[in-house]
Amino acid sequence: MAAAVVTGAALAVGGAAVAQQQDFSKVEIDAVKVTDNIYMLVGAGGNTTIQFGSEGVLVVDTSFAPMSDKILAQIKKLSNQPIRYVVDTHVHGDHIGGNSAIAKAGRTRAGGNVVGDLGTGATSQAAIIAHENVLTRLSAPPPQGQEQVAFENWPTETFIGRKKEMIFNGEAVQILHQEAAHTDGDSLVMFRRNDVISTGDLFTTVMYPFVDEANGGTINGYINALNAILDLAVASNVNEGGTMIIPGHGRLGDEQDVIEYRDMVTIIRDRIREYVKRGMTLEQVKARKPTLDWDRRYGDGFTKPEAFVEVIYKQLAAEKAAATPAPARGRTQTKSKGSGE
């Protein structure tokens, strides 16, 4: 992950810290074909998903702002139709940094009584869609020392509840909110006809999960989201192939990749839960190295093993404390006057 040295807070405010540290001019974009009209664009920051057809282009996640021109150049190679929609899977800057530039390169298409493109003015850009919690986070006062995300990068359309659905390029597209997972505003994007799921950072192939507590993330919600991906995915043969899974970072995957990742996260969570039940301290749990089996594969990613253990421990310790009944207070009974006793 290109943002390996950046805090979660920095990612949430547009990735400005990363933009200052990395020379994006040296980053190339690889366009990975997933199906005939869906591609995964891989460069710096999060992966970008492109779906295109006769109605236009839909973009899922826009990487860092300095990558916008390169992403737009790749889109033009794939389609000569305008960008109609940008979908944000969550709030972090390595996934929304290019919102403004990419949306402004597109055009909104109206329906109903007025059908067609809405001119070429400032309001004619592509719609930016996200769960309401993404807009809530972006519009709130930023943490001390962080800059506010530019208004132009905020979602222009939000949804509440579990999902938003639409037909685009003859395909049912479902944007499915996952509660309190990586953050509290995560969405999966399911392309039903193509049988492709774009996950954002609810699944990666290169690092341990980043459970962003500051933005409402929880380990149990993260595992629930991985199970939600598996509920949607259908394997072709022995869990291989079939539904294609585009991760937030890393290579293209399938159901078996998500199963292995879900099992890894669940095993580590359950190991730490057992240690918490035994009353072990955080330092004692870290000394047990509950992630050791997977550290060679994921340990050099954005989320370091000790940080992953710590966030799980703190959440499970709080869960245990909340479930432990308070000791009953003893009552001293006194005789009242005139009781006759």
Protein backbone atom coordinates (compact mmCIF):
# COMPACT_ATOMS: atom_id res chain seq x y z
CA MET A 1 0.00 0.00 0.00
CA ALA A 2 1.44 3.34 -1.00
CA ALA A 3 0.28 5.00 2.22
CA ALA A 4 2.13 2.67 4.55
CA VAL A 5 3.60 5.46 6.67
CA VAL A 6 0.44 7.54 7.01
CA THR A 7 -1.95 7.60 9.94
CA GLY A 8 -5.62 6.79 9.56
CA ALA A 9 -6.46 10.42 10.27
CA ALA A 10 -4.29 11.56 7.38
CA LEU A 11 -6.00 9.13 5.04
CA ALA A 12 -9.39 10.38 6.15
CA VAL A 13 -8.61 13.99 5.25
CA GLY A 14 -7.74 13.42 1.63
CA GLY A 15 -4.27 11.93 1.76
CA ALA A 16 -2.51 15.30 1.74
CA ALA A 17 0.34 13.92 3.82
CA VAL A 18 0.96 11.17 1.29
CA ALA A 19 0.78 13.57 -1.63
CA GLN A 20 3.62 15.54 -0.07
CA GLN A 21 5.77 12.44 0.53
CA GLN A 22 5.42 10.50 -2.71
CA ASP A 23 6.46 11.37 -6.25
CA PHE A 24 3.28 10.42 -8.12
CA SER A 25 4.86 11.35 -11.45
CA LYS A 26 6.72 8.03 -11.31
CA VAL A 27 3.61 5.96 -10.64
CA GLU A 28 2.14 4.08 -13.59
CA ILE A 29 -1.46 2.86 -13.86
CA ASP A 30 -2.05 -0.78 -14.74
CA ALA A 31 -5.46 -1.53 -16.27
CA VAL A 32 -6.48 -5.08 -15.33
CA LYS A 33 -9.35 -6.54 -17.34
CA VAL A 34 -11.95 -8.16 -15.11
CA THR A 35 -14.76 -8.59 -17.67
CA ASP A 36 -15.44 -7.05 -21.08
CA ASN A 37 -16.71 -3.81 -19.54
CA ILE A 38 -15.19 -3.78 -16.04
CA TYR A 39 -11.54 -2.98 -15.35
CA MET A 40 -9.47 -2.58 -12.19
CA LEU A 41 -6.99 0.32 -12.28
CA VAL A 42 -3.96 -0.19 -10.04
CA GLY A 43 -1.46 2.52 -9.17
CA ALA A 44 -0.90 4.50 -5.96
CA GLY A 45 -3.55 4.54 -3.27
CA GLY A 46 -6.63 2.37 -3.46
CA ASN A 47 -7.67 0.38 -6.51
CA THR A 48 -10.16 2.03 -8.86
CA THR A 49 -12.99 0.09 -10.51
CA ILE A 50 -14.34 1.17 -13.92
CA GLN A 51 -17.63 -0.05 -15.43
CA PHE A 52 -18.52 1.35 -18.87
CA GLY A 53 -21.04 0.97 -21.67
CA SER A 54 -23.36 2.90 -23.95
CA GLU A 55 -24.76 5.02 -21.09
CA GLY A 56 -21.40 6.15 -19.82
CA VAL A 57 -18.80 5.31 -17.19
CA LEU A 58 -19.16 4.49 -13.49
CA VAL A 59 -16.05 4.89 -11.29
CA VAL A 60 -15.64 3.25 -7.87
CA ASP A 61 -12.99 5.05 -5.77
CA THR A 62 -10.68 7.70 -7.20
CA SER A 63 -7.29 7.14 -5.49
CA PHE A 64 -5.12 10.14 -4.57
CA ALA A 65 -5.73 13.51 -6.21
CA PRO A 66 -2.37 13.55 -8.07
CA MET A 67 -3.37 10.31 -9.82
CA SER A 68 -6.50 11.84 -11.42
CA ASP A 69 -4.99 12.70 -14.82
CA LYS A 70 -3.57 9.20 -15.21
CA ILE A 71 -6.86 7.59 -14.19
CA LEU A 72 -8.77 9.79 -16.63
CA ALA A 73 -6.32 8.89 -19.40
CA GLN A 74 -6.96 5.18 -18.79
CA ILE A 75 -10.72 5.74 -18.77
CA LYS A 76 -10.50 7.48 -22.15
CA LYS A 77 -8.63 4.45 -23.56
CA LEU A 78 -11.50 2.21 -22.42
CA SER A 79 -14.51 4.34 -23.31
CA ASN A 80 -15.39 7.50 -25.23
CA GLN A 81 -18.55 7.94 -23.15
CA PRO A 82 -18.77 10.52 -20.33
CA ILE A 83 -18.31 9.65 -16.67
CA ARG A 84 -21.76 9.60 -15.05
CA TYR A 85 -21.17 8.33 -11.51
CA VAL A 86 -18.40 8.20 -8.92
CA VAL A 87 -19.00 5.86 -5.96
CA ASP A 88 -17.00 6.21 -2.75
CA THR A 89 -16.59 2.98 -0.77
CA HIS A 90 -15.54 4.93 2.35
CA VAL A 91 -14.01 8.13 3.68
CA HIS A 92 -10.23 7.69 3.33
CA GLY A 93 -8.22 10.02 1.14
CA ASP A 94 -6.44 7.29 -0.83
CA HIS A 95 -9.90 6.37 -2.17
CA ILE A 96 -11.61 9.79 -2.51
CA GLY A 97 -8.72 12.14 -3.24
CA GLY A 98 -9.51 12.32 -6.96
CA ASN A 99 -13.27 12.83 -6.54
CA SER A 100 -13.34 16.43 -7.67
CA ALA A 101 -11.17 16.08 -10.79
CA ILE A 102 -12.81 12.88 -11.98
CA ALA A 103 -16.37 14.04 -11.29
CA LYS A 104 -15.73 17.35 -13.06
CA ALA A 105 -14.55 15.43 -16.12
CA GLY A 106 -18.02 13.84 -16.33
CA ARG A 107 -21.60 14.98 -16.81
CA THR A 108 -24.85 14.36 -14.98
CA ARG A 109 -27.64 12.85 -17.03
CA ALA A 110 -31.19 13.82 -16.11
CA GLY A 111 -34.37 11.82 -16.57
CA GLY A 112 -38.07 12.43 -16.06
CA ASN A 113 -39.41 15.52 -17.81
CA VAL A 114 -35.96 16.63 -18.92
CA VAL A 115 -33.86 13.91 -20.53
CA GLY A 116 -30.23 14.44 -21.48
CA ASP A 117 -27.00 15.99 -20.26
CA LEU A 118 -27.32 18.94 -17.88
CA GLY A 119 -25.23 21.40 -19.87
CA THR A 120 -21.54 22.09 -19.35
CA GLY A 121 -21.57 24.37 -16.31
CA ALA A 122 -20.16 23.83 -12.84
CA THR A 123 -23.22 21.81 -11.78
CA SER A 124 -22.99 19.36 -14.68
CA GLN A 125 -20.34 17.08 -13.18
CA ALA A 126 -20.82 13.38 -12.49
CA ALA A 127 -22.67 12.51 -9.30
CA ILE A 128 -20.51 11.43 -6.32
CA ILE A 129 -22.40 8.74 -4.37
CA ALA A 130 -21.64 7.45 -0.87
CA HIS A 131 -23.34 6.35 2.32
CA GLU A 132 -24.53 9.24 4.47
CA ASN A 133 -21.89 8.48 7.10
CA VAL A 134 -19.15 9.38 4.61
CA LEU A 135 -20.59 12.87 4.18
CA THR A 136 -21.11 13.17 7.93
CA ARG A 137 -17.43 12.40 8.56
CA LEU A 138 -16.15 14.70 5.82
CA SER A 139 -18.32 17.64 6.85
CA ALA A 140 -17.49 17.39 10.57
CA PRO A 141 -14.67 19.52 12.03
CA PRO A 142 -11.41 17.66 11.30
CA PRO A 143 -9.16 16.26 14.05
CA GLN A 144 -6.69 18.73 15.51
CA GLY A 145 -3.77 19.26 13.16
CA GLN A 146 -5.63 17.95 10.10
CA GLU A 147 -7.08 19.91 7.21
CA GLN A 148 -10.73 19.79 6.17
CA VAL A 149 -11.36 17.77 3.01
CA ALA A 150 -12.20 20.14 0.16
CA PHE A 151 -15.94 20.60 -0.37
CA GLU A 152 -15.52 19.56 -4.02
CA ASN A 153 -14.52 16.06 -2.88
CA TRP A 154 -17.63 15.51 -0.76
CA PRO A 155 -20.42 13.22 -1.98
CA THR A 156 -23.18 15.01 -3.90
CA GLU A 157 -25.67 12.15 -3.38
CA THR A 158 -25.99 10.03 -0.25
CA PHE A 159 -28.14 7.13 0.87
CA ILE A 160 -29.19 5.83 4.26
CA GLY A 161 -29.99 2.31 5.34
CA ARG A 162 -28.61 -0.86 3.82
CA LYS A 163 -28.39 -0.17 0.10
CA LYS A 164 -28.79 1.97 -2.98
CA GLU A 165 -29.63 0.33 -6.30
CA MET A 166 -29.73 1.46 -9.92
CA ILE A 167 -29.62 0.15 -13.48
CA PHE A 168 -26.63 1.44 -15.43
CA ASN A 169 -25.38 0.21 -18.80
CA GLY A 170 -28.11 -2.44 -18.70
CA GLU A 171 -26.80 -3.85 -15.40
CA ALA A 172 -28.16 -3.88 -11.87
CA VAL A 173 -25.64 -2.10 -9.62
CA GLN A 174 -26.05 -2.47 -5.85
CA ILE A 175 -24.23 -0.25 -3.35
CA LEU A 176 -24.43 -2.16 -0.06
CA HIS A 177 -23.59 -0.47 3.24
CA GLN A 178 -21.63 -2.48 5.81
CA GLU A 179 -22.08 -1.24 9.35
CA ALA A 180 -19.15 -0.42 11.68
CA ALA A 181 -16.57 -2.42 9.72
CA HIS A 182 -13.42 -0.78 8.31
CA THR A 183 -15.24 2.50 9.08
CA ASP A 184 -18.92 3.26 9.70
CA GLY A 185 -19.49 4.36 6.09
CA ASP A 186 -18.18 1.39 4.06
CA SER A 187 -20.02 0.13 0.99
CA LEU A 188 -19.58 -2.87 -1.26
CA VAL A 189 -20.44 -2.34 -4.93
CA MET A 190 -21.98 -5.36 -6.65
CA PHE A 191 -22.23 -5.52 -10.45
CA ARG A 192 -24.81 -8.26 -10.84
CA ARG A 193 -24.67 -9.11 -14.54
CA ASN A 194 -20.87 -9.07 -14.62
CA ASP A 195 -20.73 -10.92 -11.27
CA VAL A 196 -18.07 -8.57 -9.89
CA ILE A 197 -17.78 -7.06 -6.39
CA SER A 198 -15.70 -3.96 -5.62
CA THR A 199 -14.96 -4.05 -1.88
CA GLY A 200 -12.98 -0.96 -0.98
CA ASP A 201 -10.86 -1.66 2.10
CA LEU A 202 -13.25 -4.28 3.45
CA PHE A 203 -10.93 -6.76 1.74
CA THR A 204 -7.31 -6.50 0.63
CA THR A 205 -4.70 -9.02 -0.43
CA VAL A 206 -1.66 -7.19 0.93
CA MET A 207 -2.21 -6.23 4.56
CA TYR A 208 -4.02 -6.88 7.82
CA PRO A 209 -7.37 -5.08 8.11
CA PHE A 210 -7.22 -1.44 9.11
CA VAL A 211 -9.98 -1.16 11.72
CA ASP A 212 -10.35 2.62 11.85
CA GLU A 213 -11.82 3.19 15.30
CA ALA A 214 -11.73 6.97 14.89
CA ASN A 215 -14.16 6.61 11.99
CA GLY A 216 -16.42 3.99 13.59
CA GLY A 217 -14.62 0.76 12.62
CA THR A 218 -14.92 -2.48 14.63
CA ILE A 219 -13.33 -5.90 14.28
CA ASN A 220 -16.67 -7.71 14.56
CA GLY A 221 -18.21 -5.49 11.90
CA TYR A 222 -15.21 -6.12 9.65
CA ILE A 223 -15.70 -9.89 9.90
CA ASN A 224 -19.42 -9.42 9.24
CA ALA A 225 -18.53 -7.50 6.07
CA LEU A 226 -16.22 -10.29 4.87
CA ASN A 227 -19.07 -12.75 5.42
CA ALA A 228 -21.36 -10.43 3.44
CA ILE A 229 -18.92 -10.59 0.51
CA LEU A 230 -18.97 -14.39 0.72
CA ASP A 231 -22.78 -14.40 0.78
CA LEU A 232 -22.73 -12.57 -2.56
CA ALA A 233 -19.89 -14.52 -4.19
CA VAL A 234 -20.38 -17.77 -6.11
CA ALA A 235 -17.37 -19.92 -7.00
CA SER A 236 -16.93 -21.58 -10.38
CA ASN A 237 -14.98 -24.68 -9.32
CA VAL A 238 -13.64 -25.65 -5.88
CA ASN A 239 -14.06 -22.03 -4.73
CA GLU A 240 -11.91 -20.76 -7.60
CA GLY A 241 -13.07 -18.32 -10.27
CA GLY A 242 -16.72 -17.37 -10.52
CA THR A 243 -17.44 -14.03 -8.86
CA MET A 244 -14.48 -11.69 -9.27
CA ILE A 245 -13.50 -9.62 -6.22
CA ILE A 246 -11.76 -6.25 -6.66
CA PRO A 247 -10.00 -5.44 -3.35
CA GLY A 248 -9.20 -2.03 -1.94
CA HIS A 249 -5.50 -2.82 -2.36
CA GLY A 250 -3.70 -5.69 -4.03
CA ARG A 251 -4.44 -8.14 -6.82
CA LEU A 252 -7.74 -9.29 -8.27
CA GLY A 253 -9.31 -12.04 -6.17
CA ASP A 254 -12.16 -14.53 -5.97
CA GLU A 255 -14.24 -16.27 -3.31
CA GLN A 256 -11.39 -18.49 -2.11
CA ASP A 257 -9.19 -15.45 -1.46
CA VAL A 258 -11.91 -13.89 0.69
CA ILE A 259 -12.48 -17.18 2.55
CA GLU A 260 -8.78 -17.37 3.46
CA TYR A 261 -8.73 -13.73 4.53
CA ARG A 262 -11.96 -14.07 6.56
CA ASP A 263 -10.60 -17.17 8.29
CA MET A 264 -7.34 -15.40 9.13
CA VAL A 265 -9.10 -12.40 10.67
CA THR A 266 -11.56 -14.60 12.57
CA ILE A 267 -8.84 -16.87 14.00
CA ILE A 268 -6.80 -13.90 15.22
CA ARG A 269 -9.90 -12.28 16.73
CA ASP A 270 -10.87 -15.50 18.50
CA ARG A 271 -7.35 -16.08 19.85
CA ILE A 272 -7.32 -12.61 21.36
CA ARG A 273 -10.85 -13.08 22.73
CA GLU A 274 -9.68 -16.19 24.59
CA TYR A 275 -6.71 -14.28 26.04
CA VAL A 276 -9.04 -11.49 27.15
CA LYS A 277 -11.29 -14.06 28.84
CA ARG A 278 -8.23 -15.30 30.77
CA GLY A 279 -7.59 -11.79 32.04
CA MET A 280 -4.31 -11.30 30.19
CA THR A 281 -2.92 -7.79 29.71
CA LEU A 282 -2.32 -6.23 26.31
CA GLU A 283 1.43 -6.71 26.64
CA GLN A 284 0.96 -10.37 27.55
CA VAL A 285 -1.25 -10.85 24.48
CA LYS A 286 1.28 -9.15 22.22
CA ALA A 287 3.97 -11.46 23.61
CA ARG A 288 1.88 -14.46 22.51
CA LYS A 289 2.07 -13.17 18.89
CA PRO A 290 -1.46 -14.18 17.83
CA THR A 291 -0.77 -13.02 14.25
CA LEU A 292 2.50 -14.93 13.81
CA ASP A 293 1.12 -17.44 11.28
CA TRP A 294 0.41 -14.63 8.80
CA ASP A 295 3.06 -12.00 9.58
CA ARG A 296 5.28 -12.96 6.63
CA ARG A 297 2.36 -12.36 4.29
CA TYR A 298 0.69 -9.28 5.79
CA GLY A 299 3.11 -7.94 8.41
CA ASP A 300 4.75 -5.31 6.18
CA GLY A 301 1.46 -3.69 5.13
CA PHE A 302 -0.15 -0.50 6.37
CA THR A 303 -1.50 -2.17 9.54
CA LYS A 304 1.38 -3.58 11.55
CA PRO A 305 0.80 -6.78 13.59
CA GLU A 306 1.06 -5.09 16.99
CA ALA A 307 -1.36 -2.34 15.97
CA PHE A 308 -3.82 -4.94 14.69
CA VAL A 309 -3.58 -6.90 17.94
CA GLU A 310 -4.00 -3.75 20.01
CA VAL A 311 -7.20 -2.56 18.36
CA ILE A 312 -8.77 -6.01 18.62
CA TYR A 313 -7.71 -6.38 22.27
CA LYS A 314 -9.13 -3.01 23.28
CA GLN A 315 -12.47 -3.66 21.57
CA LEU A 316 -12.84 -7.16 23.02
CA ALA A 317 -11.78 -6.00 26.49
CA ALA A 318 -14.46 -3.30 26.32
CA GLU A 319 -16.95 -5.90 25.12
CA LYS A 320 -16.09 -8.14 28.08
CA ALA A 321 -16.38 -5.27 30.54
CA ALA A 322 -19.78 -4.29 29.18
CA ALA A 323 -21.03 -7.88 29.50
CA THR A 324 -19.80 -8.32 33.09
CA PRO A 325 -22.58 -7.55 35.58
CA ALA A 326 -21.74 -5.06 38.29
CA PRO A 327 -21.41 -6.61 41.76
CA ALA A 328 -24.63 -6.40 43.74
CA ARG A 329 -24.57 -4.01 46.63
CA GLY A 330 -25.59 -5.42 50.01
CA ARG A 331 -28.68 -3.96 51.62
CA THR A 332 -29.12 -3.39 55.33
CA GLN A 333 -32.74 -3.83 56.37
CA THR A 334 -33.97 -1.74 59.29
CA LYS A 335 -37.20 -1.99 61.19
CA SER A 336 -39.57 0.89 60.71
CA LYS A 337 -41.31 2.48 63.64
CA GLY A 338 -44.70 1.08 64.35
CA SER A 339 -44.11 -2.07 62.37
CA GLY A 340 -45.25 -4.16 65.30
CA GLU A 341 -42.14 -6.35 65.02
